[in-house]
Amino acid sequence: MIDQYAVFGKPVAHSQSPFIHACFARQQQQSMHYVATQVEPESFAQQVDTFLQGRGKGLNITVPFKEVAWQLAEVKTPRAALAGAVNTLWRDDQGQLCGDNTDGLGLVNDLTQNLGCSLKGTSILLLGAGGAVRGVIQPLLEAGCRELIIANRTPEKAQQLAKHFAEAAGPSVMLQACGYAEIPAKAFDVIINGTSASLQGDLPPLSKEVVSAHTLCYDMMYAAKQTPFCRWASEQGATRVVDGLGMLVEQAAEAFYRWRDRRPDTAPVIALLRQSLAQQ
């Protein structure tokens, strides 16, 4: 019997996860089958239970169910517990439903391993205060940044996040929150866009002073063509502008490692996926 895996979400037809995990399975010689399944909110909990009681060995969870998955998980990894969101589920040997959040580690791995960006001692500007941002704050703090400013259209949401992660930041990191208008007028080492609205062209109102030639500008969203945020960053003179395709593959690799105890080589999969998207 082949082990079954899936990603649950709504919508989910656009998901690249089946392609990514099929690549991982071939590379690591693992016998497994992975599908994308659209789930209705009212049946989400029941479908998770049914899937993982049968041949299902693991689930990825995408929008809008990451917070619900967090509530369902009986055992949470420390990073998932703090993030308040879960994107990876499985049952342990005792049958308990376990949850992890691999989004932040996927982002940090893409930045540090694939892009060669050391985050130690850096100043980071993080845009947005939704679930995507919530999942990456702790791993960014653990990577050793010196300063992390969370900026959001609604300052109160950013301030709530800063308060929530204050203990994780400790005394060595300057963790602050503000509205877009209050962002310090200085160039940051790294700017990360976690606002999904940017795909519709709704960019945060940023001063060009936050970008210099050495700033790495990273959009957690990805698309076949350059995202509006990446285009804006290039226009401001940033020479290192990257979308979130690598993050997508890296967070999937962490889930794969959780389930199969095998760590895939992500670089060829990122290249394959980039090529696939360009042909669509």
C-alpha atoms as a PDB file:
ATOM      1  CA  MET A   1       0.000   0.000   0.000  1.00  0.00           C
ATOM      2  CA  ILE A   2       1.439   3.335  -1.085  1.00  0.00           C
ATOM      3  CA  ASP A   3       1.574   6.037   1.605  1.00  0.00           C
ATOM      4  CA  GLN A   4      -0.845   8.868   0.881  1.00  0.00           C
ATOM      5  CA  TYR A   5      -0.218  12.602   1.393  1.00  0.00           C
ATOM      6  CA  ALA A   6      -2.215  15.690   0.462  1.00  0.00           C
ATOM      7  CA  VAL A   7      -2.537  19.426   0.748  1.00  0.00           C
ATOM      8  CA  PHE A   8      -5.912  20.699   2.019  1.00  0.00           C
ATOM      9  CA  GLY A   9      -7.071  24.193   1.165  1.00  0.00           C
ATOM     10  CA  LYS A  10      -9.667  26.339  -0.595  1.00  0.00           C
ATOM     11  CA  PRO A  11      -8.855  27.169  -3.322  1.00  0.00           C
ATOM     12  CA  VAL A  12      -6.121  24.623  -3.951  1.00  0.00           C
ATOM     13  CA  ALA A  13      -6.180  23.760  -7.674  1.00  0.00           C
ATOM     14  CA  HIS A  14      -3.261  26.155  -8.304  1.00  0.00           C
ATOM     15  CA  SER A  15      -1.057  24.453  -5.684  1.00  0.00           C
ATOM     16  CA  GLN A  16       2.447  23.452  -6.770  1.00  0.00           C
ATOM     17  CA  SER A  17       2.794  21.070  -3.794  1.00  0.00           C
ATOM     18  CA  PRO A  18       1.954  17.853  -5.732  1.00  0.00           C
ATOM     19  CA  PHE A  19       4.644  18.714  -8.305  1.00  0.00           C
ATOM     20  CA  ILE A  20       7.207  19.515  -5.599  1.00  0.00           C
ATOM     21  CA  HIS A  21       6.583  16.378  -3.525  1.00  0.00           C
ATOM     22  CA  ALA A  22       6.574  14.168  -6.622  1.00  0.00           C
ATOM     23  CA  CYS A  23      10.041  15.562  -7.399  1.00  0.00           C
ATOM     24  CA  PHE A  24      11.179  14.900  -3.823  1.00  0.00           C
ATOM     25  CA  ALA A  25       9.799  11.340  -3.904  1.00  0.00           C
ATOM     26  CA  ARG A  26      11.613  10.489  -7.154  1.00  0.00           C
ATOM     27  CA  GLN A  27      14.837  12.042  -5.933  1.00  0.00           C
ATOM     28  CA  GLN A  28      14.755  10.226  -2.587  1.00  0.00           C
ATOM     29  CA  GLN A  29      13.306   6.983  -4.017  1.00  0.00           C
ATOM     30  CA  GLN A  30      10.247   7.132  -1.786  1.00  0.00           C
ATOM     31  CA  SER A  31       7.025   5.288  -2.606  1.00  0.00           C
ATOM     32  CA  MET A  32       4.289   7.860  -1.907  1.00  0.00           C
ATOM     33  CA  HIS A  33       1.376   9.624  -3.566  1.00  0.00           C
ATOM     34  CA  TYR A  34       0.509  13.310  -3.019  1.00  0.00           C
ATOM     35  CA  VAL A  35      -2.622  15.159  -4.180  1.00  0.00           C
ATOM     36  CA  ALA A  36      -4.246  18.581  -3.793  1.00  0.00           C
ATOM     37  CA  THR A  37      -7.728  18.432  -2.244  1.00  0.00           C
ATOM     38  CA  GLN A  38     -10.202  21.289  -1.955  1.00  0.00           C
ATOM     39  CA  VAL A  39     -11.986  21.155   1.395  1.00  0.00           C
ATOM     40  CA  GLU A  40     -15.033  23.032   2.650  1.00  0.00           C
ATOM     41  CA  PRO A  41     -14.668  24.816   6.009  1.00  0.00           C
ATOM     42  CA  GLU A  42     -17.525  22.929   7.655  1.00  0.00           C
ATOM     43  CA  SER A  43     -15.982  19.531   6.854  1.00  0.00           C
ATOM     44  CA  PHE A  44     -12.293  20.373   7.375  1.00  0.00           C
ATOM     45  CA  ALA A  45     -11.837  18.753  10.807  1.00  0.00           C
ATOM     46  CA  GLN A  46     -13.674  15.599   9.760  1.00  0.00           C
ATOM     47  CA  GLN A  47     -11.672  15.246   6.533  1.00  0.00           C
ATOM     48  CA  VAL A  48      -8.373  15.668   8.392  1.00  0.00           C
ATOM     49  CA  ASP A  49      -9.390  12.923  10.808  1.00  0.00           C
ATOM     50  CA  THR A  50     -10.636  10.587   8.057  1.00  0.00           C
ATOM     51  CA  PHE A  51      -7.525  11.063   5.912  1.00  0.00           C
ATOM     52  CA  LEU A  52      -5.048  10.463   8.736  1.00  0.00           C
ATOM     53  CA  GLN A  53      -6.976   7.460  10.099  1.00  0.00           C
ATOM     54  CA  GLY A  54      -6.623   5.669   6.797  1.00  0.00           C
ATOM     55  CA  ARG A  55      -3.607   5.373   4.499  1.00  0.00           C
ATOM     56  CA  GLY A  56      -2.900   9.080   4.881  1.00  0.00           C
ATOM     57  CA  LYS A  57       0.497   9.677   6.511  1.00  0.00           C
ATOM     58  CA  GLY A  58       0.669  13.452   6.389  1.00  0.00           C
ATOM     59  CA  LEU A  59      -1.071  16.646   5.349  1.00  0.00           C
ATOM     60  CA  ASN A  60      -0.016  20.091   4.276  1.00  0.00           C
ATOM     61  CA  ILE A  61      -2.488  22.831   5.142  1.00  0.00           C
ATOM     62  CA  THR A  62      -2.871  26.056   3.206  1.00  0.00           C
ATOM     63  CA  VAL A  63      -5.289  28.991   3.297  1.00  0.00           C
ATOM     64  CA  PRO A  64      -7.727  29.407   4.903  1.00  0.00           C
ATOM     65  CA  PHE A  65      -7.192  26.510   7.343  1.00  0.00           C
ATOM     66  CA  LYS A  66      -3.804  27.070   9.039  1.00  0.00           C
ATOM     67  CA  GLU A  67      -5.320  28.519  12.215  1.00  0.00           C
ATOM     68  CA  VAL A  68      -7.974  25.784  12.382  1.00  0.00           C
ATOM     69  CA  ALA A  69      -5.260  23.148  11.951  1.00  0.00           C
ATOM     70  CA  TRP A  70      -3.398  24.751  14.857  1.00  0.00           C
ATOM     71  CA  GLN A  71      -6.489  24.326  17.038  1.00  0.00           C
ATOM     72  CA  LEU A  72      -6.872  20.669  15.981  1.00  0.00           C
ATOM     73  CA  ALA A  73      -3.244  19.695  16.643  1.00  0.00           C
ATOM     74  CA  GLU A  74      -2.888  17.905  19.988  1.00  0.00           C
ATOM     75  CA  VAL A  75       0.900  18.227  19.950  1.00  0.00           C
ATOM     76  CA  LYS A  76       2.598  21.295  18.460  1.00  0.00           C
ATOM     77  CA  THR A  77       6.238  22.012  17.766  1.00  0.00           C
ATOM     78  CA  PRO A  78       7.477  25.092  19.690  1.00  0.00           C
ATOM     79  CA  ARG A  79       7.574  27.208  16.533  1.00  0.00           C
ATOM     80  CA  ALA A  80       4.032  26.168  15.587  1.00  0.00           C
ATOM     81  CA  ALA A  81       2.787  26.887  19.106  1.00  0.00           C
ATOM     82  CA  LEU A  82       4.168  30.423  18.940  1.00  0.00           C
ATOM     83  CA  ALA A  83       3.072  31.063  15.349  1.00  0.00           C
ATOM     84  CA  GLY A  84      -0.564  30.214  16.051  1.00  0.00           C
ATOM     85  CA  ALA A  85      -0.738  28.484  12.676  1.00  0.00           C
ATOM     86  CA  VAL A  86       0.030  24.975  11.386  1.00  0.00           C
ATOM     87  CA  ASN A  87       0.838  23.978   7.798  1.00  0.00           C
ATOM     88  CA  THR A  88       1.990  20.376   8.396  1.00  0.00           C
ATOM     89  CA  LEU A  89       0.064  17.575  10.142  1.00  0.00           C
ATOM     90  CA  TRP A  90       0.797  13.913  10.938  1.00  0.00           C
ATOM     91  CA  ARG A  91       0.060  11.336  13.645  1.00  0.00           C
ATOM     92  CA  ASP A  92       2.786  10.160  16.008  1.00  0.00           C
ATOM     93  CA  ASP A  93       3.310   6.613  17.275  1.00  0.00           C
ATOM     94  CA  GLN A  94       0.708   7.199  20.010  1.00  0.00           C
ATOM     95  CA  GLY A  95      -1.874   8.315  17.450  1.00  0.00           C
ATOM     96  CA  GLN A  96      -1.765  11.947  18.515  1.00  0.00           C
ATOM     97  CA  LEU A  97      -2.325  14.623  15.877  1.00  0.00           C
ATOM     98  CA  CYS A  98       0.918  16.606  15.581  1.00  0.00           C
ATOM     99  CA  GLY A  99       1.339  20.022  13.971  1.00  0.00           C
ATOM    100  CA  ASP A 100       4.305  22.030  12.729  1.00  0.00           C
ATOM    101  CA  ASN A 101       4.785  25.308  10.889  1.00  0.00           C
ATOM    102  CA  THR A 102       7.556  25.048   8.304  1.00  0.00           C
ATOM    103  CA  ASP A 103       6.902  28.381   6.563  1.00  0.00           C
ATOM    104  CA  GLY A 104       9.407  30.441   8.523  1.00  0.00           C
ATOM    105  CA  LEU A 105      12.166  27.870   8.300  1.00  0.00           C
ATOM    106  CA  GLY A 106      11.484  27.622   4.571  1.00  0.00           C
ATOM    107  CA  LEU A 107      11.963  31.382   4.236  1.00  0.00           C
ATOM    108  CA  VAL A 108      15.163  31.433   6.315  1.00  0.00           C
ATOM    109  CA  ASN A 109      16.604  28.430   4.456  1.00  0.00           C
ATOM    110  CA  ASP A 110      15.928  30.089   1.105  1.00  0.00           C
ATOM    111  CA  LEU A 111      17.558  33.334   2.256  1.00  0.00           C
ATOM    112  CA  THR A 112      20.598  31.776   3.901  1.00  0.00           C
ATOM    113  CA  GLN A 113      21.278  28.616   1.886  1.00  0.00           C
ATOM    114  CA  ASN A 114      20.008  29.383  -1.608  1.00  0.00           C
ATOM    115  CA  LEU A 115      20.649  33.127  -1.701  1.00  0.00           C
ATOM    116  CA  GLY A 116      23.724  33.219   0.531  1.00  0.00           C
ATOM    117  CA  CYS A 117      22.291  35.961   2.750  1.00  0.00           C
ATOM    118  CA  SER A 118      23.555  35.821   6.323  1.00  0.00           C
ATOM    119  CA  LEU A 119      20.867  37.263   8.618  1.00  0.00           C
ATOM    120  CA  LYS A 120      23.182  37.729  11.602  1.00  0.00           C
ATOM    121  CA  GLY A 121      23.284  41.375  12.652  1.00  0.00           C
ATOM    122  CA  THR A 122      20.922  42.540   9.897  1.00  0.00           C
ATOM    123  CA  SER A 123      18.101  45.063   9.959  1.00  0.00           C
ATOM    124  CA  ILE A 124      14.892  43.554   8.544  1.00  0.00           C
ATOM    125  CA  LEU A 125      11.685  45.290   7.495  1.00  0.00           C
ATOM    126  CA  LEU A 126       8.742  42.855   7.467  1.00  0.00           C
ATOM    127  CA  LEU A 127       5.608  44.038   5.657  1.00  0.00           C
ATOM    128  CA  GLY A 128       2.167  42.808   6.755  1.00  0.00           C
ATOM    129  CA  ALA A 129       0.717  41.274   9.906  1.00  0.00           C
ATOM    130  CA  GLY A 130      -1.362  38.330   8.669  1.00  0.00           C
ATOM    131  CA  GLY A 131      -0.865  34.599   9.006  1.00  0.00           C
ATOM    132  CA  ALA A 132       2.012  34.483   6.517  1.00  0.00           C
ATOM    133  CA  VAL A 133       3.994  37.005   8.542  1.00  0.00           C
ATOM    134  CA  ARG A 134       3.107  35.423  11.866  1.00  0.00           C
ATOM    135  CA  GLY A 135       4.675  32.136  10.782  1.00  0.00           C
ATOM    136  CA  VAL A 136       8.075  33.612   9.886  1.00  0.00           C
ATOM    137  CA  ILE A 137       8.839  35.929  12.811  1.00  0.00           C
ATOM    138  CA  GLN A 138      10.377  33.411  15.228  1.00  0.00           C
ATOM    139  CA  PRO A 139      12.701  31.798  12.636  1.00  0.00           C
ATOM    140  CA  LEU A 140      13.880  35.267  11.556  1.00  0.00           C
ATOM    141  CA  LEU A 141      14.609  36.139  15.190  1.00  0.00           C
ATOM    142  CA  GLU A 142      16.457  32.847  15.687  1.00  0.00           C
ATOM    143  CA  ALA A 143      18.551  33.541  12.582  1.00  0.00           C
ATOM    144  CA  GLY A 144      20.221  36.370  14.493  1.00  0.00           C
ATOM    145  CA  CYS A 145      18.885  39.605  13.047  1.00  0.00           C
ATOM    146  CA  ARG A 146      19.751  42.773  14.971  1.00  0.00           C
ATOM    147  CA  GLU A 147      16.535  44.648  14.205  1.00  0.00           C
ATOM    148  CA  LEU A 148      13.094  43.518  13.041  1.00  0.00           C
ATOM    149  CA  ILE A 149      10.414  46.091  12.253  1.00  0.00           C
ATOM    150  CA  ILE A 150       6.913  44.798  11.491  1.00  0.00           C
ATOM    151  CA  ALA A 151       4.965  47.352   9.452  1.00  0.00           C
ATOM    152  CA  ASN A 152       1.287  47.047   8.581  1.00  0.00           C
ATOM    153  CA  ARG A 153      -1.539  49.143   7.194  1.00  0.00           C
ATOM    154  CA  THR A 154      -3.274  48.703  10.560  1.00  0.00           C
ATOM    155  CA  PRO A 155      -0.533  49.481  13.123  1.00  0.00           C
ATOM    156  CA  GLU A 156      -2.440  47.779  15.964  1.00  0.00           C
ATOM    157  CA  LYS A 157      -2.122  44.364  14.299  1.00  0.00           C
ATOM    158  CA  ALA A 158       1.622  44.798  13.918  1.00  0.00           C
ATOM    159  CA  GLN A 159       1.904  45.913  17.542  1.00  0.00           C
ATOM    160  CA  GLN A 160       0.024  42.819  18.708  1.00  0.00           C
ATOM    161  CA  LEU A 161       2.545  40.642  16.865  1.00  0.00           C
ATOM    162  CA  ALA A 162       5.516  42.514  18.331  1.00  0.00           C
ATOM    163  CA  LYS A 163       4.074  42.045  21.811  1.00  0.00           C
ATOM    164  CA  HIS A 164       3.392  38.339  21.167  1.00  0.00           C
ATOM    165  CA  PHE A 165       6.974  37.684  20.034  1.00  0.00           C
ATOM    166  CA  ALA A 166       8.724  40.012  22.490  1.00  0.00           C
ATOM    167  CA  GLU A 167       9.909  37.169  24.712  1.00  0.00           C
ATOM    168  CA  ALA A 168      11.240  35.212  21.721  1.00  0.00           C
ATOM    169  CA  ALA A 169      13.149  38.303  20.586  1.00  0.00           C
ATOM    170  CA  GLY A 170      14.872  38.740  23.920  1.00  0.00           C
ATOM    171  CA  PRO A 171      17.087  41.698  24.755  1.00  0.00           C
ATOM    172  CA  SER A 172      19.449  41.274  21.815  1.00  0.00           C
ATOM    173  CA  VAL A 173      16.935  42.098  19.047  1.00  0.00           C
ATOM    174  CA  MET A 174      15.220  45.434  18.527  1.00  0.00           C
ATOM    175  CA  LEU A 175      11.669  44.288  17.729  1.00  0.00           C
ATOM    176  CA  GLN A 176       9.307  47.106  16.789  1.00  0.00           C
ATOM    177  CA  ALA A 177       5.961  47.629  15.068  1.00  0.00           C
ATOM    178  CA  CYS A 178       4.446  50.563  13.205  1.00  0.00           C
ATOM    179  CA  GLY A 179       2.195  51.719  10.384  1.00  0.00           C
ATOM    180  CA  TYR A 180       3.662  52.236   6.930  1.00  0.00           C
ATOM    181  CA  ALA A 181       3.911  55.990   7.428  1.00  0.00           C
ATOM    182  CA  GLU A 182       6.044  55.491  10.561  1.00  0.00           C
ATOM    183  CA  ILE A 183       8.727  53.263   8.976  1.00  0.00           C
ATOM    184  CA  PRO A 184      12.133  54.825   9.682  1.00  0.00           C
ATOM    185  CA  ALA A 185      13.520  56.659   6.651  1.00  0.00           C
ATOM    186  CA  LYS A 186      16.637  54.541   6.280  1.00  0.00           C
ATOM    187  CA  ALA A 187      17.861  51.690   4.100  1.00  0.00           C
ATOM    188  CA  PHE A 188      17.301  48.179   5.473  1.00  0.00           C
ATOM    189  CA  ASP A 189      19.471  45.138   4.842  1.00  0.00           C
ATOM    190  CA  VAL A 190      16.452  42.954   4.045  1.00  0.00           C
ATOM    191  CA  ILE A 191      12.843  43.836   3.186  1.00  0.00           C
ATOM    192  CA  ILE A 192      10.324  40.968   3.198  1.00  0.00           C
ATOM    193  CA  ASN A 193       6.862  41.455   1.740  1.00  0.00           C
ATOM    194  CA  GLY A 194       4.263  39.275   3.455  1.00  0.00           C
ATOM    195  CA  THR A 195       1.184  41.043   2.079  1.00  0.00           C
ATOM    196  CA  SER A 196      -0.762  38.891  -0.380  1.00  0.00           C
ATOM    197  CA  ALA A 197      -2.559  41.979  -1.734  1.00  0.00           C
ATOM    198  CA  SER A 198       0.605  42.856  -3.646  1.00  0.00           C
ATOM    199  CA  LEU A 199      -0.255  40.210  -6.253  1.00  0.00           C
ATOM    200  CA  GLN A 200      -3.209  42.389  -7.201  1.00  0.00           C
ATOM    201  CA  GLY A 201      -0.886  45.381  -7.432  1.00  0.00           C
ATOM    202  CA  ASP A 202      -1.911  46.793  -4.047  1.00  0.00           C
ATOM    203  CA  LEU A 203       1.547  47.718  -2.798  1.00  0.00           C
ATOM    204  CA  PRO A 204       2.289  49.095   0.667  1.00  0.00           C
ATOM    205  CA  PRO A 205       2.987  52.848   0.472  1.00  0.00           C
ATOM    206  CA  LEU A 206       6.737  52.693   1.096  1.00  0.00           C
ATOM    207  CA  SER A 207       9.314  55.440   0.924  1.00  0.00           C
ATOM    208  CA  LYS A 208      12.104  54.768  -1.584  1.00  0.00           C
ATOM    209  CA  GLU A 209      14.544  55.578   1.243  1.00  0.00           C
ATOM    210  CA  VAL A 210      14.051  52.083   2.732  1.00  0.00           C
ATOM    211  CA  VAL A 211      15.841  50.574  -0.279  1.00  0.00           C
ATOM    212  CA  SER A 212      19.487  50.867  -1.246  1.00  0.00           C
ATOM    213  CA  ALA A 213      21.544  48.959  -3.803  1.00  0.00           C
ATOM    214  CA  HIS A 214      22.606  46.459  -1.118  1.00  0.00           C
ATOM    215  CA  THR A 215      19.056  45.785   0.171  1.00  0.00           C
ATOM    216  CA  LEU A 216      17.758  42.265  -0.473  1.00  0.00           C
ATOM    217  CA  CYS A 217      14.059  42.619  -1.336  1.00  0.00           C
ATOM    218  CA  TYR A 218      12.075  39.396  -0.931  1.00  0.00           C
ATOM    219  CA  ASP A 219       8.425  38.792  -1.820  1.00  0.00           C
ATOM    220  CA  MET A 220       6.886  35.804  -0.016  1.00  0.00           C
ATOM    221  CA  MET A 221       4.454  35.567  -2.937  1.00  0.00           C
ATOM    222  CA  TYR A 222       5.559  34.147  -6.280  1.00  0.00           C
ATOM    223  CA  ALA A 223       4.301  34.279  -9.857  1.00  0.00           C
ATOM    224  CA  ALA A 224       5.387  33.295 -13.347  1.00  0.00           C
ATOM    225  CA  LYS A 225       6.231  36.950 -14.022  1.00  0.00           C
ATOM    226  CA  GLN A 226       7.871  39.444 -11.678  1.00  0.00           C
ATOM    227  CA  THR A 227       5.526  40.323  -8.794  1.00  0.00           C
ATOM    228  CA  PRO A 228       4.466  43.979  -8.355  1.00  0.00           C
ATOM    229  CA  PHE A 229       6.569  44.231  -5.175  1.00  0.00           C
ATOM    230  CA  CYS A 230       9.665  42.859  -6.914  1.00  0.00           C
ATOM    231  CA  ARG A 231       9.124  45.265  -9.807  1.00  0.00           C
ATOM    232  CA  TRP A 232       8.792  48.192  -7.376  1.00  0.00           C
ATOM    233  CA  ALA A 233      11.967  47.138  -5.537  1.00  0.00           C
ATOM    234  CA  SER A 234      13.925  46.967  -8.804  1.00  0.00           C
ATOM    235  CA  GLU A 235      12.684  50.433  -9.741  1.00  0.00           C
ATOM    236  CA  GLN A 236      14.035  51.763  -6.432  1.00  0.00           C
ATOM    237  CA  GLY A 237      17.510  50.507  -7.273  1.00  0.00           C
ATOM    238  CA  ALA A 238      17.624  47.193  -5.393  1.00  0.00           C
ATOM    239  CA  THR A 239      19.963  44.787  -7.153  1.00  0.00           C
ATOM    240  CA  ARG A 240      18.874  41.653  -5.235  1.00  0.00           C
ATOM    241  CA  VAL A 241      15.166  41.074  -5.805  1.00  0.00           C
ATOM    242  CA  VAL A 242      13.646  37.620  -5.227  1.00  0.00           C
ATOM    243  CA  ASP A 243      10.168  36.085  -5.086  1.00  0.00           C
ATOM    244  CA  GLY A 244       8.965  33.321  -2.748  1.00  0.00           C
ATOM    245  CA  LEU A 245       9.320  30.301  -5.019  1.00  0.00           C
ATOM    246  CA  GLY A 246      12.369  29.091  -3.097  1.00  0.00           C
ATOM    247  CA  MET A 247      10.494  29.507   0.186  1.00  0.00           C
ATOM    248  CA  LEU A 248       7.665  27.375  -1.202  1.00  0.00           C
ATOM    249  CA  VAL A 249      10.051  24.531  -2.045  1.00  0.00           C
ATOM    250  CA  GLU A 250      12.021  24.856   1.196  1.00  0.00           C
ATOM    251  CA  GLN A 251       8.934  24.730   3.450  1.00  0.00           C
ATOM    252  CA  ALA A 252       7.808  21.649   1.511  1.00  0.00           C
ATOM    253  CA  ALA A 253      11.224  20.064   2.064  1.00  0.00           C
ATOM    254  CA  GLU A 254      10.869  20.549   5.837  1.00  0.00           C
ATOM    255  CA  ALA A 255       7.451  18.848   5.758  1.00  0.00           C
ATOM    256  CA  PHE A 256       8.890  16.012   3.659  1.00  0.00           C
ATOM    257  CA  TYR A 257      11.694  15.594   6.206  1.00  0.00           C
ATOM    258  CA  ARG A 258       9.136  15.454   9.031  1.00  0.00           C
ATOM    259  CA  TRP A 259       7.172  12.717   7.289  1.00  0.00           C
ATOM    260  CA  ARG A 260       9.878  10.619   5.596  1.00  0.00           C
ATOM    261  CA  ASP A 261      13.063  11.376   7.565  1.00  0.00           C
ATOM    262  CA  ARG A 262      14.787  12.250   4.288  1.00  0.00           C
ATOM    263  CA  ARG A 263      16.093  15.724   3.436  1.00  0.00           C
ATOM    264  CA  PRO A 264      15.619  16.487  -0.276  1.00  0.00           C
ATOM    265  CA  ASP A 265      18.053  18.460  -2.410  1.00  0.00           C
ATOM    266  CA  THR A 266      15.945  21.551  -3.096  1.00  0.00           C
ATOM    267  CA  ALA A 267      18.056  23.396  -5.693  1.00  0.00           C
ATOM    268  CA  PRO A 268      17.137  21.209  -8.700  1.00  0.00           C
ATOM    269  CA  VAL A 269      13.460  21.258  -7.691  1.00  0.00           C
ATOM    270  CA  ILE A 270      13.422  25.068  -7.484  1.00  0.00           C
ATOM    271  CA  ALA A 271      14.985  25.203 -10.961  1.00  0.00           C
ATOM    272  CA  LEU A 272      12.457  22.717 -12.364  1.00  0.00           C
ATOM    273  CA  LEU A 273       9.520  24.587 -10.843  1.00  0.00           C
ATOM    274  CA  ARG A 274      10.788  27.925 -12.165  1.00  0.00           C
ATOM    275  CA  GLN A 275      11.072  26.397 -15.627  1.00  0.00           C
ATOM    276  CA  SER A 276       7.581  24.882 -15.335  1.00  0.00           C
ATOM    277  CA  LEU A 277       6.025  28.203 -14.299  1.00  0.00           C
ATOM    278  CA  ALA A 278       7.740  30.044 -17.153  1.00  0.00           C
ATOM    279  CA  GLN A 279       6.097  27.659 -19.640  1.00  0.00           C
ATOM    280  CA  GLN A 280       2.574  28.122 -18.255  1.00  0.00           C
END
